[in-house]
């Protein structure tokens, strides 16, 4: 089972990349892709984009959220 398969539509996650970060909702999962998790950010980025694709390594684990 791939790491991305652990997520499903509707999961609330915190994402952090070099370009954006924040709370989001997983809207789709594509196991086997380079950026397998599609999310909708609660607050769009500076250009107004809310739908993003992220890698499993862009997701902040629950025990790390308090340091955000």
N, C-alpha and C. Protein backbone atom coordinates (compact mmCIF):
# COMPACT_ATOMS: atom_id res chain seq x y z
N UNK A 1 0.85 -1.18 0.00
CA UNK A 1 0.00 0.00 0.00
C UNK A 1 0.89 1.24 0.00
N UNK A 2 0.61 2.18 -0.89
CA UNK A 2 1.42 3.40 -0.95
C UNK A 2 1.03 4.34 0.18
N UNK A 3 1.93 5.24 0.52
CA UNK A 3 1.66 6.22 1.58
C UNK A 3 0.44 7.06 1.24
N UNK A 4 0.27 7.41 -0.04
CA UNK A 4 -0.86 8.24 -0.46
C UNK A 4 -2.18 7.55 -0.21
N UNK A 5 -2.19 6.23 -0.24
CA UNK A 5 -3.43 5.47 -0.05
C UNK A 5 -3.99 5.63 1.37
N UNK A 6 -3.18 6.14 2.28
CA UNK A 6 -3.64 6.33 3.65
C UNK A 6 -4.58 7.53 3.77
N UNK A 7 -4.63 8.35 2.72
CA UNK A 7 -5.49 9.53 2.72
C UNK A 7 -6.71 9.27 1.86
N UNK A 8 -7.80 9.96 2.20
CA UNK A 8 -9.02 9.81 1.42
C UNK A 8 -9.69 11.17 1.29
N UNK A 9 -10.63 11.27 0.36
CA UNK A 9 -11.36 12.53 0.18
C UNK A 9 -11.98 12.97 1.49
N UNK A 10 -11.85 14.25 1.75
CA UNK A 10 -12.43 14.82 2.96
C UNK A 10 -11.50 14.90 4.15
N UNK A 11 -10.35 14.23 4.08
CA UNK A 11 -9.39 14.30 5.19
C UNK A 11 -8.88 15.74 5.35
N UNK A 12 -8.79 16.17 6.60
CA UNK A 12 -8.22 17.49 6.89
C UNK A 12 -6.73 17.30 7.15
N UNK A 13 -5.91 18.07 6.43
CA UNK A 13 -4.47 17.94 6.57
C UNK A 13 -3.82 19.33 6.56
N UNK A 14 -2.63 19.39 7.11
CA UNK A 14 -1.83 20.62 7.05
C UNK A 14 -0.71 20.38 6.07
N UNK A 15 -0.57 21.27 5.09
CA UNK A 15 0.49 21.11 4.08
C UNK A 15 1.49 22.25 4.18
N UNK A 16 2.75 21.93 3.90
CA UNK A 16 3.81 22.93 3.92
C UNK A 16 4.74 22.64 2.75
N UNK A 17 4.82 23.58 1.82
CA UNK A 17 5.74 23.47 0.69
C UNK A 17 6.59 24.74 0.66
N UNK A 18 7.50 24.82 -0.29
CA UNK A 18 8.30 26.04 -0.43
C UNK A 18 7.44 27.22 -0.90
N UNK A 19 6.31 26.94 -1.56
CA UNK A 19 5.49 27.99 -2.15
C UNK A 19 4.24 28.35 -1.35
N UNK A 20 3.75 27.45 -0.53
CA UNK A 20 2.53 27.72 0.23
C UNK A 20 2.45 26.78 1.42
N UNK A 21 1.61 27.16 2.38
CA UNK A 21 1.34 26.27 3.51
C UNK A 21 0.02 26.65 4.12
N UNK A 22 -0.59 25.69 4.78
CA UNK A 22 -1.84 25.96 5.48
C UNK A 22 -2.73 24.73 5.55
N UNK A 23 -3.87 24.92 6.21
CA UNK A 23 -4.84 23.84 6.33
C UNK A 23 -5.55 23.63 5.01
N UNK A 24 -5.86 22.38 4.75
CA UNK A 24 -6.51 22.03 3.49
C UNK A 24 -7.37 20.78 3.68
N UNK A 25 -8.20 20.54 2.67
CA UNK A 25 -9.02 19.34 2.63
C UNK A 25 -8.58 18.52 1.43
N UNK A 26 -8.32 17.24 1.65
CA UNK A 26 -7.97 16.35 0.54
C UNK A 26 -9.20 16.17 -0.35
N UNK A 27 -9.05 16.44 -1.64
CA UNK A 27 -10.18 16.32 -2.55
C UNK A 27 -10.06 15.14 -3.49
N UNK A 28 -8.86 14.62 -3.65
CA UNK A 28 -8.65 13.43 -4.48
C UNK A 28 -7.29 12.83 -4.20
N UNK A 29 -7.14 11.55 -4.46
CA UNK A 29 -5.88 10.85 -4.23
C UNK A 29 -5.56 10.02 -5.46
N UNK A 30 -4.31 10.14 -5.94
CA UNK A 30 -3.85 9.45 -7.14
C UNK A 30 -2.60 8.64 -6.80
N UNK A 31 -2.75 7.46 -6.18
CA UNK A 31 -1.57 6.66 -5.81
C UNK A 31 -0.67 6.39 -7.01
N UNK A 32 0.63 6.45 -6.77
CA UNK A 32 1.59 6.20 -7.83
C UNK A 32 2.05 7.46 -8.56
N UNK A 33 1.42 8.58 -8.33
CA UNK A 33 1.81 9.84 -8.96
C UNK A 33 2.90 10.53 -8.13
N UNK A 34 3.64 11.45 -8.75
CA UNK A 34 4.66 12.20 -8.03
C UNK A 34 4.01 13.11 -6.98
N UNK A 35 2.89 13.73 -7.34
CA UNK A 35 2.12 14.56 -6.42
C UNK A 35 0.73 13.93 -6.32
N UNK A 36 0.60 12.93 -5.46
CA UNK A 36 -0.60 12.11 -5.47
C UNK A 36 -1.83 12.66 -4.74
N UNK A 37 -1.68 13.71 -3.99
CA UNK A 37 -2.80 14.19 -3.19
C UNK A 37 -3.22 15.58 -3.66
N UNK A 38 -4.47 15.67 -4.10
CA UNK A 38 -5.02 16.95 -4.49
C UNK A 38 -5.75 17.53 -3.30
N UNK A 39 -5.48 18.80 -3.00
CA UNK A 39 -6.09 19.46 -1.85
C UNK A 39 -6.73 20.77 -2.27
N UNK A 40 -7.67 21.21 -1.45
CA UNK A 40 -8.23 22.55 -1.57
C UNK A 40 -7.84 23.29 -0.31
N UNK A 41 -7.04 24.33 -0.48
CA UNK A 41 -6.57 25.12 0.66
C UNK A 41 -7.71 25.92 1.27
N UNK A 42 -7.71 26.06 2.59
CA UNK A 42 -8.70 26.89 3.26
C UNK A 42 -8.55 28.35 2.83
N UNK A 43 -7.30 28.79 2.71
CA UNK A 43 -7.00 30.16 2.27
C UNK A 43 -6.18 30.05 0.99
N UNK A 44 -6.69 30.55 -0.14
CA UNK A 44 -5.93 30.46 -1.40
C UNK A 44 -4.58 31.15 -1.30
N UNK A 45 -3.67 30.78 -2.22
CA UNK A 45 -2.35 31.40 -2.23
C UNK A 45 -2.46 32.85 -2.71
N UNK A 46 -1.34 33.53 -2.82
CA UNK A 46 -1.31 34.93 -3.20
C UNK A 46 -1.92 35.23 -4.56
N UNK A 47 -1.97 34.24 -5.43
CA UNK A 47 -2.56 34.42 -6.76
C UNK A 47 -4.02 33.99 -6.82
N UNK A 48 -4.55 33.56 -5.67
CA UNK A 48 -5.95 33.15 -5.62
C UNK A 48 -6.21 31.69 -5.92
N UNK A 49 -5.15 30.89 -6.05
CA UNK A 49 -5.31 29.47 -6.34
C UNK A 49 -5.51 28.68 -5.05
N UNK A 50 -6.57 27.89 -5.01
CA UNK A 50 -6.86 27.10 -3.82
C UNK A 50 -6.64 25.61 -4.04
N UNK A 51 -6.75 25.14 -5.28
CA UNK A 51 -6.58 23.72 -5.58
C UNK A 51 -5.13 23.45 -5.94
N UNK A 52 -4.51 22.54 -5.21
CA UNK A 52 -3.10 22.21 -5.40
C UNK A 52 -2.91 20.71 -5.37
N UNK A 53 -1.80 20.24 -5.94
CA UNK A 53 -1.38 18.84 -5.81
C UNK A 53 -0.12 18.83 -4.95
N UNK A 54 -0.08 17.93 -3.97
CA UNK A 54 1.06 17.88 -3.06
C UNK A 54 1.62 16.47 -2.97
N UNK A 55 2.87 16.40 -2.56
CA UNK A 55 3.55 15.14 -2.34
C UNK A 55 3.31 14.71 -0.90
N UNK A 56 3.47 13.46 -0.63
CA UNK A 56 3.27 12.93 0.71
C UNK A 56 4.20 13.63 1.72
N UNK A 57 5.37 14.06 1.27
CA UNK A 57 6.34 14.71 2.15
C UNK A 57 5.98 16.17 2.45
N UNK A 58 4.97 16.71 1.76
CA UNK A 58 4.51 18.07 2.02
C UNK A 58 3.49 18.12 3.14
N UNK A 59 3.06 16.97 3.61
CA UNK A 59 2.04 16.91 4.65
C UNK A 59 2.72 16.89 6.01
N UNK A 60 2.30 17.79 6.88
CA UNK A 60 2.86 17.89 8.22
C UNK A 60 2.11 16.91 9.11
N UNK A 61 2.86 16.09 9.81
CA UNK A 61 2.26 15.09 10.70
C UNK A 61 1.61 15.77 11.91
N UNK A 62 0.59 15.12 12.46
CA UNK A 62 -0.17 15.66 13.58
C UNK A 62 0.72 16.13 14.73
N UNK A 63 1.72 15.33 15.07
CA UNK A 63 2.57 15.68 16.22
C UNK A 63 3.49 16.85 15.92
N UNK A 64 3.55 17.31 14.67
CA UNK A 64 4.40 18.44 14.30
C UNK A 64 3.60 19.72 14.11
N UNK A 65 2.30 19.63 14.12
CA UNK A 65 1.45 20.79 13.83
C UNK A 65 1.61 21.89 14.88
N UNK A 66 1.82 21.54 16.12
CA UNK A 66 1.95 22.54 17.17
C UNK A 66 3.14 23.47 16.95
N UNK A 67 4.10 23.05 16.12
CA UNK A 67 5.27 23.88 15.84
C UNK A 67 5.06 24.77 14.64
N UNK A 68 3.87 24.72 14.05
CA UNK A 68 3.59 25.50 12.83
C UNK A 68 3.28 26.92 13.22
